[in-house]
Amino acid sequence: MSLFGALNSATSGLRLIQSNIQVVSDNVSRSNDPNRTRHVLERTTDKSGTVTIAQYTRRSDVQLRSQLETSISEDKGAQTLADYMRRIGDLLGTTSGKPGLSDAVDKFAQAWRDLEASPESSVAAGQVVLHGDGLAREIRRVAEGVEDVAAQMDRDIRQTVTDLNQNLADIDELNDNIVALRGARQPTMELEDRRDSLIRKVAEITSVRVVEREGGKVALFTPTGLALCDAAPNRIIYDQGRLVSANSGSDISQHLREGKLGALLELSADHSDAEPPRAASLTPTSEVIRKLRSQLDQLTSAFTQPARPGEPASFQEVYDRAGPTNPGELKSGFFKGSSRLTIAINEDLLSGAALVKQSAIADAAGAIAAPGRTFAADGIVATDVTYSGMVSHMMGSWTTGESDAKTRAKATSEFKTAMESRYQSTSGVNLDEEIADLQVLQRNYSATARVMQVVSAMFDALERIG
């Protein structure tokens, strides 16, 4: 090899080493970034034997990345379900202590038993009114809380759809930028890492399948084949409980059943207004707002409406038909309102304008304690129960649902963490590996620099000879 050839080879080697050092330094500086893959510089040899830079690329395990995206979607859906079931548990009071509804029904029943034991006691009569008002207030409180949860779900769905649309638009823009840079033979690793991060955000919202396209683009589909981002991003609209594609105008709700969005749709679904109406889902985390509304309405009706045929007379029935009614006593209508949001104790009892009817005391106390009732509402059917038993079955069903959702969320979280660890171990930055590479590059740099020094000395010697 001529001196000029050696010098050119050494110069090319130095440039290559410097570029490698820059890549390794960037890897080390971003080693704590979970979205950073390991960037590498691939080399090639030209016809003269000179080593040159072929391209910058990433080390990314495509199969593991796909599995990670699936685990992210499953975990986000499970965490969303668990979070809302916990909110419902907090509302009902099933997460700690005695549920408020159970306590209110039991206190109301005990007040009637105490009045039955001391029918002439004005204090005992006052307790009946006090705890009757407390029961009505508790039903209304829970019912209003359910509406607040429903409103929060609706806001969450709208915001999640907005986030999905923005992420898809950003991915489409990155696709175009990556194609342009590759055409100009420029590095695209940073943009690809950013795109992977956005894809994982999409996976949190709904399950996604990634397909590689020519030129560096990727296309995103749901597992059912709906295109989310291919030639163009699919813009999604949330309209009255449905997800509609703005591109085609069709209902695409059935394609987006995983991730956070799928969980929110599952929680807020209500198929009672379908054609024909469909029975409530047996899954504890499905149609929870519909079930809660129905159960609270049925509990209200049990106190304020006539009993079903073959069952013991309801509380309202025995109070209204008891006689005689003494002067100053409330003849009928102990409770007013017929729904969970309107139930209230009679205002005359509450203000003291009327007294509890003496002739109704024994029958009312017996009606509250009587078994043989059926509590049939969306999501629950309990037979041969008392009023207290109705509430116990209702609270029990929600406690079980919350516990199941929590258990599932824990399992998916552990699986996702394991997948993240596996993916990082194969595709992420390993500091030990980078430090080892850096040491090798430093030695190569010193050796190449030494070659250049020797060549330079030889040129100096030749010049002196000349």
Protein backbone atom coordinates (compact mmCIF):
# COMPACT_ATOMS: atom_id res chain seq x y z
CA MET A 1 0.00 0.00 0.00
CA SER A 2 1.30 3.48 -0.87
CA LEU A 3 1.79 6.14 1.77
CA PHE A 4 -1.15 8.07 0.31
CA GLY A 5 -3.31 4.95 0.48
CA ALA A 6 -2.32 4.36 4.09
CA LEU A 7 -3.04 7.98 4.95
CA ASN A 8 -6.46 7.88 3.26
CA SER A 9 -7.31 4.62 5.02
CA ALA A 10 -6.25 6.01 8.39
CA THR A 11 -8.23 9.23 7.82
CA SER A 12 -11.32 7.26 6.85
CA GLY A 13 -10.86 5.08 9.92
CA LEU A 14 -10.65 8.12 12.19
CA ARG A 15 -13.86 9.55 10.76
CA LEU A 16 -15.55 6.19 11.24
CA ILE A 17 -14.34 5.90 14.82
CA GLN A 18 -15.43 9.46 15.61
CA SER A 19 -18.89 8.73 14.23
CA ASN A 20 -19.05 5.54 16.29
CA ILE A 21 -17.98 7.39 19.41
CA GLN A 22 -20.72 9.94 18.81
CA VAL A 23 -23.35 7.19 18.48
CA VAL A 24 -22.12 5.42 21.64
CA SER A 25 -22.06 8.73 23.55
CA ASP A 26 -25.63 9.44 22.51
CA ASN A 27 -26.66 5.95 23.63
CA VAL A 28 -25.04 6.44 27.03
CA SER A 29 -26.55 9.89 27.56
CA ARG A 30 -30.05 8.57 26.76
CA SER A 31 -29.72 5.23 28.56
CA ASN A 32 -32.46 6.12 31.07
CA ASP A 33 -34.97 6.97 28.35
CA PRO A 34 -37.42 4.01 28.08
CA ASN A 35 -38.23 5.00 24.50
CA ARG A 36 -34.60 4.91 23.38
CA THR A 37 -33.45 1.93 21.34
CA ARG A 38 -29.79 1.12 20.83
CA HIS A 39 -28.45 3.06 17.85
CA VAL A 40 -25.60 1.55 15.87
CA LEU A 41 -23.49 2.49 12.88
CA GLU A 42 -23.21 -0.14 10.17
CA ARG A 43 -20.01 -0.21 8.10
CA THR A 44 -19.12 -1.36 4.60
CA THR A 45 -15.94 -1.69 2.52
CA ASP A 46 -15.53 -0.09 -0.89
CA LYS A 47 -13.58 -1.55 -3.84
CA SER A 48 -10.31 -0.09 -2.59
CA GLY A 49 -10.73 -1.79 0.78
CA THR A 50 -11.53 1.41 2.62
CA VAL A 51 -14.06 1.01 5.45
CA THR A 52 -16.86 3.58 5.22
CA ILE A 53 -20.21 4.31 6.90
CA ALA A 54 -23.05 2.35 5.33
CA GLN A 55 -25.97 3.61 7.42
CA TYR A 56 -27.18 4.47 10.88
CA THR A 57 -29.74 2.03 12.23
CA ARG A 58 -31.42 0.74 15.42
CA ARG A 59 -31.36 -2.56 17.23
CA SER A 60 -35.06 -3.32 17.72
CA ASP A 61 -36.64 -6.75 18.20
CA VAL A 62 -39.82 -6.47 16.10
CA GLN A 63 -41.51 -9.52 17.62
CA LEU A 64 -40.86 -8.44 21.20
CA ARG A 65 -41.96 -4.92 20.35
CA SER A 66 -45.28 -6.28 19.07
CA GLN A 67 -45.75 -8.36 22.23
CA LEU A 68 -44.94 -5.32 24.36
CA GLU A 69 -47.56 -3.23 22.54
CA THR A 70 -50.15 -5.95 23.15
CA SER A 71 -49.29 -6.11 26.86
CA ILE A 72 -49.51 -2.31 27.10
CA SER A 73 -53.01 -2.38 25.62
CA GLU A 74 -54.18 -5.16 27.93
CA ASP A 75 -52.71 -3.48 31.00
CA LYS A 76 -54.17 -0.05 30.24
CA GLY A 77 -57.61 -1.56 29.73
CA ALA A 78 -57.37 -3.52 32.98
CA GLN A 79 -56.10 -0.51 34.92
CA THR A 80 -58.97 1.62 33.59
CA LEU A 81 -61.54 -0.98 34.63
CA ALA A 82 -59.94 -1.33 38.06
CA ASP A 83 -59.82 2.44 38.55
CA TYR A 84 -63.52 2.93 37.81
CA MET A 85 -64.54 -0.09 39.85
CA ARG A 86 -62.58 1.39 42.75
CA ARG A 87 -64.42 4.70 42.29
CA ILE A 88 -67.72 2.86 42.39
CA GLY A 89 -66.55 0.98 45.47
CA ASP A 90 -65.67 4.28 47.14
CA LEU A 91 -69.09 5.66 46.20
CA LEU A 92 -70.94 2.66 47.60
CA GLY A 93 -68.63 2.36 50.58
CA THR A 94 -67.65 -1.23 49.81
CA THR A 95 -63.91 -0.51 50.01
CA SER A 96 -63.84 0.08 53.76
CA GLY A 97 -66.25 -0.31 56.65
CA LYS A 98 -69.97 -0.84 56.29
CA PRO A 99 -71.54 0.43 53.04
CA GLY A 100 -73.67 3.54 53.53
CA LEU A 101 -76.78 2.01 51.97
CA SER A 102 -76.56 -1.06 54.18
CA ASP A 103 -76.13 1.12 57.24
CA ALA A 104 -79.08 3.37 56.26
CA VAL A 105 -81.46 0.43 55.70
CA ASP A 106 -80.41 -1.24 58.95
CA LYS A 107 -80.87 1.96 60.96
CA PHE A 108 -84.29 2.53 59.42
CA ALA A 109 -85.33 -1.05 60.28
CA GLN A 110 -83.99 -0.71 63.83
CA ALA A 111 -85.86 2.57 64.32
CA TRP A 112 -89.17 0.85 63.48
CA ARG A 113 -88.38 -2.00 65.87
CA ASP A 114 -87.64 0.51 68.63
CA LEU A 115 -90.90 2.35 67.89
CA GLU A 116 -92.79 -0.94 67.95
CA ALA A 117 -91.37 -1.60 71.40
CA SER A 118 -92.31 1.94 72.60
CA PRO A 119 -95.16 3.17 70.37
CA GLU A 120 -95.93 6.14 72.62
CA SER A 121 -92.34 7.41 72.56
CA SER A 122 -91.99 10.66 70.65
CA VAL A 123 -88.21 10.12 70.62
CA ALA A 124 -88.60 6.74 68.92
CA ALA A 125 -91.03 8.24 66.39
CA GLY A 126 -88.53 11.01 65.70
CA GLN A 127 -85.83 8.40 65.03
CA VAL A 128 -88.07 6.73 62.45
CA VAL A 129 -88.42 10.04 60.61
CA LEU A 130 -84.71 10.82 61.00
CA HIS A 131 -83.53 7.49 59.64
CA GLY A 132 -86.20 7.42 56.92
CA ASP A 133 -84.83 10.75 55.74
CA GLY A 134 -81.30 9.33 56.03
CA LEU A 135 -82.22 6.35 53.84
CA ALA A 136 -83.75 8.58 51.15
CA ARG A 137 -80.74 10.89 51.24
CA GLU A 138 -78.29 8.01 50.94
CA ILE A 139 -80.10 6.59 47.90
CA ARG A 140 -80.07 10.03 46.28
CA ARG A 141 -76.40 10.57 47.18
CA VAL A 142 -75.35 7.32 45.56
CA ALA A 143 -77.59 7.95 42.53
CA GLU A 144 -76.11 11.42 42.01
CA GLY A 145 -72.63 9.96 42.43
CA VAL A 146 -73.39 7.42 39.72
CA GLU A 147 -74.34 10.26 37.37
CA ASP A 148 -71.07 12.00 38.22
CA VAL A 149 -69.15 8.81 37.37
CA ALA A 150 -71.10 8.51 34.11
CA ALA A 151 -70.24 12.11 33.22
CA GLN A 152 -66.57 11.47 34.00
CA MET A 153 -66.60 8.40 31.76
CA ASP A 154 -68.05 10.46 28.94
CA ARG A 155 -65.35 13.12 29.38
CA ASP A 156 -62.67 10.43 29.49
CA ILE A 157 -63.92 8.86 26.27
CA ARG A 158 -63.96 12.21 24.47
CA GLN A 159 -60.46 13.11 25.66
CA THR A 160 -59.14 9.64 24.81
CA VAL A 161 -60.55 9.89 21.28
CA THR A 162 -58.93 13.34 20.94
CA ASP A 163 -55.59 11.90 22.08
CA LEU A 164 -55.92 8.98 19.65
CA ASN A 165 -56.59 11.30 16.72
CA GLN A 166 -53.60 13.49 17.63
CA ASN A 167 -51.27 10.51 18.01
CA LEU A 168 -52.33 9.09 14.65
CA ALA A 169 -51.78 12.47 12.98
CA ASP A 170 -48.32 12.76 14.58
CA ILE A 171 -47.39 9.24 13.44
CA ASP A 172 -48.46 10.08 9.89
CA GLU A 173 -46.29 13.20 9.96
CA LEU A 174 -43.30 11.24 11.28
CA ASN A 175 -43.83 8.68 8.51
CA ASP A 176 -43.46 11.43 5.90
CA ASN A 177 -40.38 12.89 7.60
CA ILE A 178 -38.68 9.49 7.86
CA VAL A 179 -39.28 8.78 4.17
CA ALA A 180 -37.86 12.18 3.24
CA LEU A 181 -34.73 11.76 5.39
CA ARG A 182 -34.08 8.25 4.12
CA GLY A 183 -34.34 9.56 0.59
CA ALA A 184 -31.65 12.09 1.46
CA ARG A 185 -29.57 9.32 3.12
CA GLN A 186 -29.86 10.98 6.53
CA PRO A 187 -30.20 9.17 9.89
CA THR A 188 -33.79 8.55 11.03
CA MET A 189 -33.26 6.67 14.32
CA GLU A 190 -34.46 9.49 16.56
CA LEU A 191 -37.65 9.90 14.53
CA GLU A 192 -38.23 6.14 14.58
CA ASP A 193 -37.82 6.08 18.37
CA ARG A 194 -40.31 8.93 18.67
CA ARG A 195 -42.71 7.08 16.38
CA ASP A 196 -42.40 3.92 18.50
CA SER A 197 -43.24 6.01 21.56
CA LEU A 198 -46.39 7.32 19.85
CA ILE A 199 -47.36 3.81 18.77
CA ARG A 200 -47.15 2.71 22.39
CA LYS A 201 -49.43 5.61 23.32
CA VAL A 202 -51.89 4.39 20.68
CA ALA A 203 -51.56 0.88 22.15
CA GLU A 204 -52.60 2.27 25.54
CA ILE A 205 -55.79 3.55 23.92
CA THR A 206 -56.58 0.55 21.72
CA SER A 207 -54.88 -2.63 20.59
CA VAL A 208 -52.79 -2.04 17.49
CA ARG A 209 -51.01 -4.10 14.82
CA VAL A 210 -48.01 -2.50 13.06
CA VAL A 211 -47.17 -3.26 9.44
CA GLU A 212 -43.90 -2.10 7.85
CA ARG A 213 -44.22 -0.25 4.54
CA GLU A 214 -41.60 0.66 1.93
CA GLY A 215 -39.43 3.66 2.52
CA GLY A 216 -39.56 3.44 6.31
CA LYS A 217 -43.28 4.05 6.78
CA VAL A 218 -45.46 1.98 9.10
CA ALA A 219 -49.19 1.33 8.92
CA LEU A 220 -51.37 0.80 11.98
CA PHE A 221 -54.38 -1.52 12.11
CA THR A 222 -56.65 -2.86 14.83
CA PRO A 223 -56.63 -6.67 15.35
CA THR A 224 -59.92 -6.77 13.42
CA GLY A 225 -58.32 -5.12 10.38
CA LEU A 226 -59.55 -1.53 10.71
CA ALA A 227 -56.93 0.88 9.34
CA LEU A 228 -55.97 3.48 11.92
CA CYS A 229 -53.12 5.02 9.94
CA ASP A 230 -52.04 3.90 6.49
CA ALA A 231 -52.28 6.17 3.49
CA ALA A 232 -53.75 8.74 5.88
CA PRO A 233 -54.75 8.78 9.56
CA ASN A 234 -58.29 7.65 10.33
CA ARG A 235 -60.01 10.46 12.25
CA ILE A 236 -62.48 9.13 14.83
CA ILE A 237 -65.58 10.85 16.23
CA TYR A 238 -67.42 9.96 19.44
CA ASP A 239 -71.15 10.41 18.96
CA GLN A 240 -73.83 9.32 21.46
CA GLY A 241 -72.00 6.26 22.70
CA ARG A 242 -70.68 5.27 19.26
CA LEU A 243 -67.29 5.64 17.62
CA VAL A 244 -67.62 6.78 14.02
CA SER A 245 -64.92 7.01 11.34
CA ALA A 246 -64.90 10.49 9.83
CA ASN A 247 -63.26 8.99 6.75
CA SER A 248 -66.04 6.52 5.96
CA GLY A 249 -68.92 7.64 8.20
CA SER A 250 -69.38 4.09 9.51
CA ASP A 251 -69.72 2.89 13.10
CA ILE A 252 -66.37 1.39 14.14
CA SER A 253 -67.09 0.81 17.84
CA GLN A 254 -66.77 -2.97 17.46
CA HIS A 255 -63.18 -2.54 16.19
CA LEU A 256 -61.94 -0.63 19.24
CA ARG A 257 -62.66 -2.97 22.15
CA GLU A 258 -59.25 -3.12 23.84
CA GLY A 259 -57.06 -0.69 25.73
CA LYS A 260 -58.33 2.31 27.66
CA LEU A 261 -60.93 3.21 25.05
CA GLY A 262 -62.34 -0.30 24.96
CA ALA A 263 -62.54 -0.39 28.75
CA LEU A 264 -64.38 2.94 28.88
CA LEU A 265 -66.85 1.80 26.23
CA GLU A 266 -67.41 -1.44 28.16
CA LEU A 267 -68.05 0.40 31.41
CA SER A 268 -70.43 2.97 29.92
CA ALA A 269 -72.30 0.70 27.49
CA ASP A 270 -76.07 0.46 27.76
CA HIS A 271 -77.80 -2.02 25.47
CA SER A 272 -81.21 -1.54 27.06
CA ASP A 273 -82.10 0.91 24.29
CA ALA A 274 -80.94 -1.39 21.50
CA GLU A 275 -83.41 -2.74 18.94
CA PRO A 276 -84.42 -5.17 20.30
CA PRO A 277 -83.28 -4.37 23.88
CA ARG A 278 -80.58 -6.68 25.19
CA ALA A 279 -80.22 -8.02 28.71
CA ALA A 280 -77.42 -6.59 30.81
CA SER A 281 -74.04 -8.26 30.42
CA LEU A 282 -73.06 -10.85 33.00
CA THR A 283 -69.52 -9.46 33.08
CA PRO A 284 -69.14 -7.43 36.31
CA THR A 285 -67.24 -4.60 34.60
CA SER A 286 -69.64 -4.24 31.67
CA GLU A 287 -72.54 -1.75 31.57
CA VAL A 288 -71.84 -0.68 35.15
CA ILE A 289 -73.74 2.61 34.92
CA ARG A 290 -76.81 0.85 33.53
CA LYS A 291 -76.65 -1.74 36.32
CA LEU A 292 -76.22 0.80 39.10
CA ARG A 293 -79.12 2.91 37.87
CA SER A 294 -81.37 -0.13 37.58
CA GLN A 295 -80.43 -1.50 41.00
CA LEU A 296 -80.96 1.82 42.76
CA ASP A 297 -84.32 2.26 41.03
CA GLN A 298 -85.39 -1.24 42.08
CA LEU A 299 -84.35 -0.56 45.67
CA THR A 300 -86.36 2.65 45.63
CA SER A 301 -89.37 0.87 44.17
CA ALA A 302 -89.16 -1.81 46.87
CA PHE A 303 -89.87 0.88 49.47
CA THR A 304 -92.25 3.12 47.51
CA GLN A 305 -94.23 0.81 45.18
CA PRO A 306 -96.57 -2.18 45.68
CA ALA A 307 -94.93 -5.58 46.08
CA ARG A 308 -94.87 -8.21 43.34
CA PRO A 309 -97.71 -10.76 43.38
CA GLY A 310 -97.03 -13.53 45.87
CA GLU A 311 -94.59 -11.46 47.91
CA PRO A 312 -95.09 -9.80 51.30
CA ALA A 313 -96.70 -6.37 51.14
CA SER A 314 -94.21 -3.57 50.65
CA PHE A 315 -93.41 -0.98 53.31
CA GLN A 316 -95.42 1.69 51.53
CA GLU A 317 -98.42 -0.61 51.12
CA VAL A 318 -98.67 -1.56 54.79
CA TYR A 319 -98.23 2.03 55.91
CA ASP A 320 -100.85 3.44 53.51
CA ARG A 321 -103.58 0.84 54.23
CA ALA A 322 -103.16 0.78 58.05
CA GLY A 323 -106.02 2.32 60.02
CA PRO A 324 -107.38 4.17 61.74
CA THR A 325 -105.55 7.43 61.19
CA ASN A 326 -105.62 9.63 64.28
CA PRO A 327 -105.79 13.41 64.02
CA GLY A 328 -102.41 14.92 63.19
CA GLU A 329 -101.01 11.67 61.79
CA LEU A 330 -99.74 11.14 58.24
CA LYS A 331 -102.32 8.99 56.46
CA SER A 332 -100.24 7.85 53.47
CA GLY A 333 -97.13 8.52 51.43
CA PHE A 334 -94.35 8.02 53.98
CA PHE A 335 -91.91 8.28 51.03
CA LYS A 336 -92.36 10.54 48.01
CA GLY A 337 -90.81 10.08 44.60
CA SER A 338 -90.54 6.90 42.57
CA SER A 339 -86.94 6.93 41.31
CA ARG A 340 -83.45 6.89 42.74
CA LEU A 341 -83.03 10.62 42.12
CA THR A 342 -86.37 11.76 43.54
CA ILE A 343 -87.04 9.57 46.58
CA ALA A 344 -87.60 11.65 49.72
CA ILE A 345 -89.42 11.37 53.02
CA ASN A 346 -92.78 13.11 53.21
CA GLU A 347 -92.16 16.80 53.92
CA ASP A 348 -94.96 16.92 56.52
CA LEU A 349 -93.18 14.29 58.60
CA LEU A 350 -89.88 16.07 58.22
CA SER A 351 -91.29 19.46 59.24
CA GLY A 352 -93.30 18.03 62.13
CA ALA A 353 -96.63 19.00 60.57
CA ALA A 354 -97.70 15.33 60.71
CA LEU A 355 -96.85 12.39 62.95
CA VAL A 356 -96.11 8.74 62.19
CA LYS A 357 -99.35 6.76 62.04
CA GLN A 358 -99.70 4.63 65.21
CA SER A 359 -101.78 1.97 63.52
CA ALA A 360 -99.00 1.33 60.96
CA ILE A 361 -96.17 0.74 63.41
CA ALA A 362 -96.40 -3.02 63.89
CA ASP A 363 -97.09 -3.81 60.23
CA ALA A 364 -94.36 -1.46 58.99
CA ALA A 365 -91.78 -3.00 61.31
CA GLY A 366 -92.87 -6.45 60.14
CA ALA A 367 -92.75 -5.51 56.47
CA ILE A 368 -89.18 -4.25 56.69
CA ALA A 369 -88.03 -7.47 58.37
CA ALA A 370 -90.09 -9.83 56.19
CA PRO A 371 -88.20 -12.22 53.87
CA GLY A 372 -89.67 -13.62 50.67
CA ARG A 373 -88.98 -10.61 48.46
CA THR A 374 -87.31 -10.69 45.05
CA PHE A 375 -84.73 -8.13 44.05
CA ALA A 376 -84.46 -8.28 40.26
CA ALA A 377 -82.48 -5.58 38.51
CA ASP A 378 -79.89 -5.36 35.75
CA GLY A 379 -76.88 -7.37 36.82
CA ILE A 380 -78.40 -9.02 39.89
CA VAL A 381 -81.30 -11.28 40.92
CA ALA A 382 -81.82 -12.14 44.60
CA THR A 383 -84.79 -14.17 45.87
CA ASP A 384 -86.34 -14.72 49.29
CA VAL A 385 -84.62 -11.69 50.82
CA THR A 386 -85.51 -8.87 53.18
CA TYR A 387 -84.93 -5.20 52.46
CA SER A 388 -81.56 -5.51 54.16
CA GLY A 389 -80.83 -8.62 52.09
CA MET A 390 -81.49 -6.69 48.87
CA VAL A 391 -78.79 -4.18 49.75
CA SER A 392 -76.40 -6.90 50.94
CA HIS A 393 -76.65 -8.75 47.62
CA MET A 394 -76.17 -5.51 45.73
CA MET A 395 -73.09 -4.51 47.73
CA GLY A 396 -71.70 -8.04 47.50
CA SER A 397 -71.88 -8.08 43.73
CA TRP A 398 -69.96 -4.81 43.45
CA THR A 399 -67.38 -5.89 46.00
CA THR A 400 -66.73 -9.05 43.97
CA GLY A 401 -66.52 -7.09 40.73
CA GLU A 402 -64.07 -4.63 42.22
CA SER A 403 -61.90 -7.42 43.63
CA ASP A 404 -61.82 -9.27 40.29
CA ALA A 405 -60.88 -6.09 38.41
CA LYS A 406 -58.10 -5.35 40.90
CA THR A 407 -56.70 -8.88 40.60
CA ARG A 408 -56.71 -8.72 36.82
CA ALA A 409 -55.04 -5.29 36.82
CA LYS A 410 -52.26 -6.59 39.04
CA ALA A 411 -51.65 -9.55 36.73
CA THR A 412 -51.54 -7.45 33.55
CA SER A 413 -49.26 -4.91 35.21
CA GLU A 414 -46.77 -7.60 36.19
CA PHE A 415 -46.86 -9.08 32.68
CA LYS A 416 -46.33 -5.68 31.06
CA THR A 417 -43.38 -4.96 33.37
CA ALA A 418 -41.84 -8.31 32.41
CA MET A 419 -42.29 -7.56 28.71
CA GLU A 420 -40.75 -4.10 29.10
CA SER A 421 -37.75 -5.66 30.80
CA ARG A 422 -37.33 -8.25 28.03
CA TYR A 423 -37.64 -5.63 25.31
CA GLN A 424 -35.16 -3.29 26.99
CA SER A 425 -32.68 -6.12 27.44
CA THR A 426 -32.67 -6.84 23.69
CA SER A 427 -33.41 -3.44 22.13
CA GLY A 428 -32.57 -0.88 24.78
CA VAL A 429 -29.24 0.66 25.74
CA ASN A 430 -26.97 -1.54 27.86
CA LEU A 431 -24.44 0.66 29.65
CA ASP A 432 -21.92 -2.16 30.15
CA GLU A 433 -22.00 -2.96 26.45
CA GLU A 434 -21.67 0.69 25.46
CA ILE A 435 -18.74 1.27 27.82
CA ALA A 436 -16.98 -1.81 26.43
CA ASP A 437 -17.53 -0.54 22.87
CA LEU A 438 -16.25 2.88 23.86
CA GLN A 439 -13.04 1.36 25.24
CA VAL A 440 -12.50 -0.56 22.00
CA LEU A 441 -13.10 2.59 19.97
CA GLN A 442 -10.61 4.51 22.09
CA ARG A 443 -7.93 1.87 21.47
CA ASN A 444 -8.71 1.87 17.75
CA TYR A 445 -8.55 5.63 17.71
CA SER A 446 -5.10 5.56 19.35
CA ALA A 447 -3.89 2.92 16.92
CA THR A 448 -5.19 4.80 13.88
CA ALA A 449 -3.72 8.04 15.15
CA ARG A 450 -0.39 6.23 15.55
CA VAL A 451 -0.57 5.07 11.92
CA MET A 452 -1.12 8.67 10.83
CA GLN A 453 1.86 9.78 12.92
CA VAL A 454 4.08 7.14 11.31
CA VAL A 455 2.92 8.10 7.81
CA SER A 456 3.51 11.76 8.62
CA ALA A 457 7.05 10.95 9.85
CA MET A 458 7.74 9.02 6.65
CA PHE A 459 6.58 11.96 4.54
CA ASP A 460 8.88 14.23 6.56
CA ALA A 461 11.78 11.84 5.95
CA LEU A 462 11.09 11.73 2.22
CA GLU A 463 10.92 15.50 2.12
CA ARG A 464 14.29 15.79 3.82
CA ILE A 465 15.78 13.30 1.37
CA GLY A 466 14.29 15.27 -1.52
